[in-house]
Amino acid sequence: MESDAQAAQKLVIKVTAGADAPERCSQAFTVAAVAAASGVEVSLWLTGESAWFALPGRAAEFELPHAAPLPDLIESVRATGLITLCTQCAARRDITEADVIDGVRIAGAQVFVSEVMGEGARALVY
């Protein structure tokens, strides 16, 4: 049974890897999806090469043997959590709010720092 302290915790995950480091990328999305499915408040940040997964269809192109499909993991997080695309990462890739999948916001370092410094927050970077 969860204590009130556990229920109030938030997990902020920053994923910096994409197809360039598929195992690290998959680990980040898997941990985020498992946490979300476990009732943890999840905020998943897409930075660096993972920024591409904010675009429709891009996650379906990602393949890693013995790993859950990336679109399924993203959907699990979107169902109860928050997905954010880094402002600078988006700008460097010419990605705008109009380009991203539903439920993805674009925000910067100030919002990230605010989330990780929040009461009960824990942060992981992949």
Protein backbone atom coordinates (compact mmCIF):
# COMPACT_ATOMS: atom_id res chain seq x y z
CA MET A 1 0.00 0.00 0.00
CA GLU A 2 1.30 3.46 -0.91
CA SER A 3 1.90 6.08 1.72
CA ASP A 4 0.76 9.63 1.11
CA ALA A 5 4.41 10.63 0.59
CA GLN A 6 4.85 8.05 -2.17
CA ALA A 7 1.61 9.03 -3.89
CA ALA A 8 2.68 12.67 -3.94
CA GLN A 9 6.02 12.01 -5.61
CA LYS A 10 6.78 13.14 -9.13
CA LEU A 11 9.32 11.56 -11.45
CA VAL A 12 10.93 13.87 -13.99
CA ILE A 13 12.81 12.00 -16.72
CA LYS A 14 15.01 13.74 -19.25
CA VAL A 15 15.87 11.58 -22.24
CA THR A 16 18.75 12.88 -24.33
CA ALA A 17 19.21 9.81 -26.52
CA GLY A 18 17.37 8.79 -29.65
CA ALA A 19 18.19 6.36 -32.42
CA ASP A 20 21.85 7.29 -31.83
CA ALA A 21 21.80 5.37 -28.50
CA PRO A 22 18.79 3.06 -28.77
CA GLU A 23 19.22 1.13 -25.53
CA ARG A 24 19.53 4.27 -23.40
CA CYS A 25 16.58 5.79 -25.24
CA SER A 26 14.40 2.73 -24.72
CA GLN A 27 15.34 2.54 -21.04
CA ALA A 28 14.16 6.11 -20.45
CA PHE A 29 10.81 5.58 -22.16
CA THR A 30 10.34 2.21 -20.44
CA VAL A 31 10.99 3.63 -16.98
CA ALA A 32 8.64 6.55 -17.69
CA ALA A 33 5.87 4.21 -18.89
CA VAL A 34 6.26 1.81 -15.96
CA ALA A 35 6.21 4.70 -13.49
CA ALA A 36 3.10 6.18 -15.12
CA ALA A 37 1.37 2.77 -15.08
CA SER A 38 2.29 2.46 -11.38
CA GLY A 39 0.48 5.69 -10.53
CA VAL A 40 3.54 7.91 -10.29
CA GLU A 41 3.18 11.44 -11.64
CA VAL A 42 5.53 11.46 -14.65
CA SER A 43 7.01 14.33 -16.60
CA LEU A 44 9.05 13.12 -19.59
CA TRP A 45 11.38 15.62 -21.26
CA LEU A 46 12.53 15.03 -24.84
CA THR A 47 15.92 16.61 -25.46
CA GLY A 48 18.75 16.10 -27.93
CA GLU A 49 18.07 13.34 -30.43
CA SER A 50 14.93 12.20 -28.60
CA ALA A 51 13.32 15.46 -29.73
CA TRP A 52 12.44 13.76 -33.01
CA PHE A 53 9.99 11.47 -31.17
CA ALA A 54 7.71 14.47 -30.59
CA LEU A 55 6.83 14.31 -34.29
CA PRO A 56 4.01 12.10 -35.60
CA GLY A 57 5.25 8.74 -36.90
CA ARG A 58 8.84 9.09 -35.72
CA ALA A 59 8.50 6.75 -32.74
CA ALA A 60 7.16 4.01 -35.05
CA GLU A 61 10.46 4.12 -36.96
CA PHE A 62 12.43 3.28 -33.79
CA GLU A 63 13.38 -0.38 -33.46
CA LEU A 64 15.20 -2.21 -30.70
CA PRO A 65 15.07 -6.00 -30.30
CA HIS A 66 13.40 -7.23 -27.09
CA ALA A 67 12.07 -3.75 -26.27
CA ALA A 68 8.51 -2.53 -26.07
CA PRO A 69 7.43 -0.48 -29.10
CA LEU A 70 8.20 3.19 -28.54
CA PRO A 71 4.72 4.38 -29.66
CA ASP A 72 3.16 2.19 -26.95
CA LEU A 73 5.49 3.58 -24.30
CA ILE A 74 4.77 7.15 -25.37
CA GLU A 75 1.03 6.50 -25.25
CA SER A 76 1.36 5.07 -21.74
CA VAL A 77 3.08 8.23 -20.55
CA ARG A 78 0.66 10.53 -22.40
CA ALA A 79 -2.33 8.80 -20.80
CA THR A 80 -1.55 10.12 -17.33
CA GLY A 81 1.68 12.10 -17.54
CA LEU A 82 3.23 15.03 -19.30
CA ILE A 83 5.60 15.04 -22.27
CA THR A 84 7.68 18.12 -22.95
CA LEU A 85 9.94 18.93 -25.88
CA CYS A 86 12.91 21.15 -25.03
CA THR A 87 12.54 24.63 -26.54
CA GLN A 88 16.12 24.88 -27.82
CA CYS A 89 16.13 21.29 -29.10
CA ALA A 90 12.93 21.99 -31.02
CA ALA A 91 14.31 25.22 -32.47
CA ARG A 92 17.54 23.54 -33.62
CA ARG A 93 15.42 20.99 -35.51
CA ASP A 94 12.87 23.51 -36.83
CA ILE A 95 10.09 21.81 -34.86
CA THR A 96 7.17 24.01 -33.82
CA GLU A 97 4.06 23.51 -31.66
CA ALA A 98 2.11 22.85 -34.87
CA ASP A 99 4.39 19.91 -35.73
CA VAL A 100 4.24 17.83 -32.54
CA ILE A 101 1.89 15.01 -31.57
CA ASP A 102 -1.12 15.87 -29.43
CA GLY A 103 -0.30 16.29 -25.78
CA VAL A 104 3.32 17.38 -26.23
CA ARG A 105 4.24 20.84 -25.02
CA ILE A 106 7.37 22.83 -25.80
CA ALA A 107 9.10 24.41 -22.80
CA GLY A 108 12.56 25.41 -21.67
CA ALA A 109 15.09 25.03 -18.90
CA GLN A 110 13.25 27.29 -16.47
CA VAL A 111 10.24 24.94 -16.49
CA PHE A 112 12.51 21.89 -16.19
CA VAL A 113 14.32 23.34 -13.18
CA SER A 114 10.99 24.27 -11.59
CA GLU A 115 9.76 20.69 -11.98
CA VAL A 116 12.88 18.99 -10.63
CA MET A 117 13.05 21.34 -7.65
CA GLY A 118 9.41 20.76 -6.74
CA GLU A 119 8.33 19.11 -3.50
CA GLY A 120 8.66 15.33 -3.73
CA ALA A 121 10.25 15.40 -7.20
CA ARG A 122 12.93 13.00 -8.32
CA ALA A 123 14.83 13.36 -11.56
CA LEU A 124 16.54 10.88 -13.87
CA VAL A 125 18.57 11.71 -16.96
CA TYR A 126 19.16 9.17 -19.71
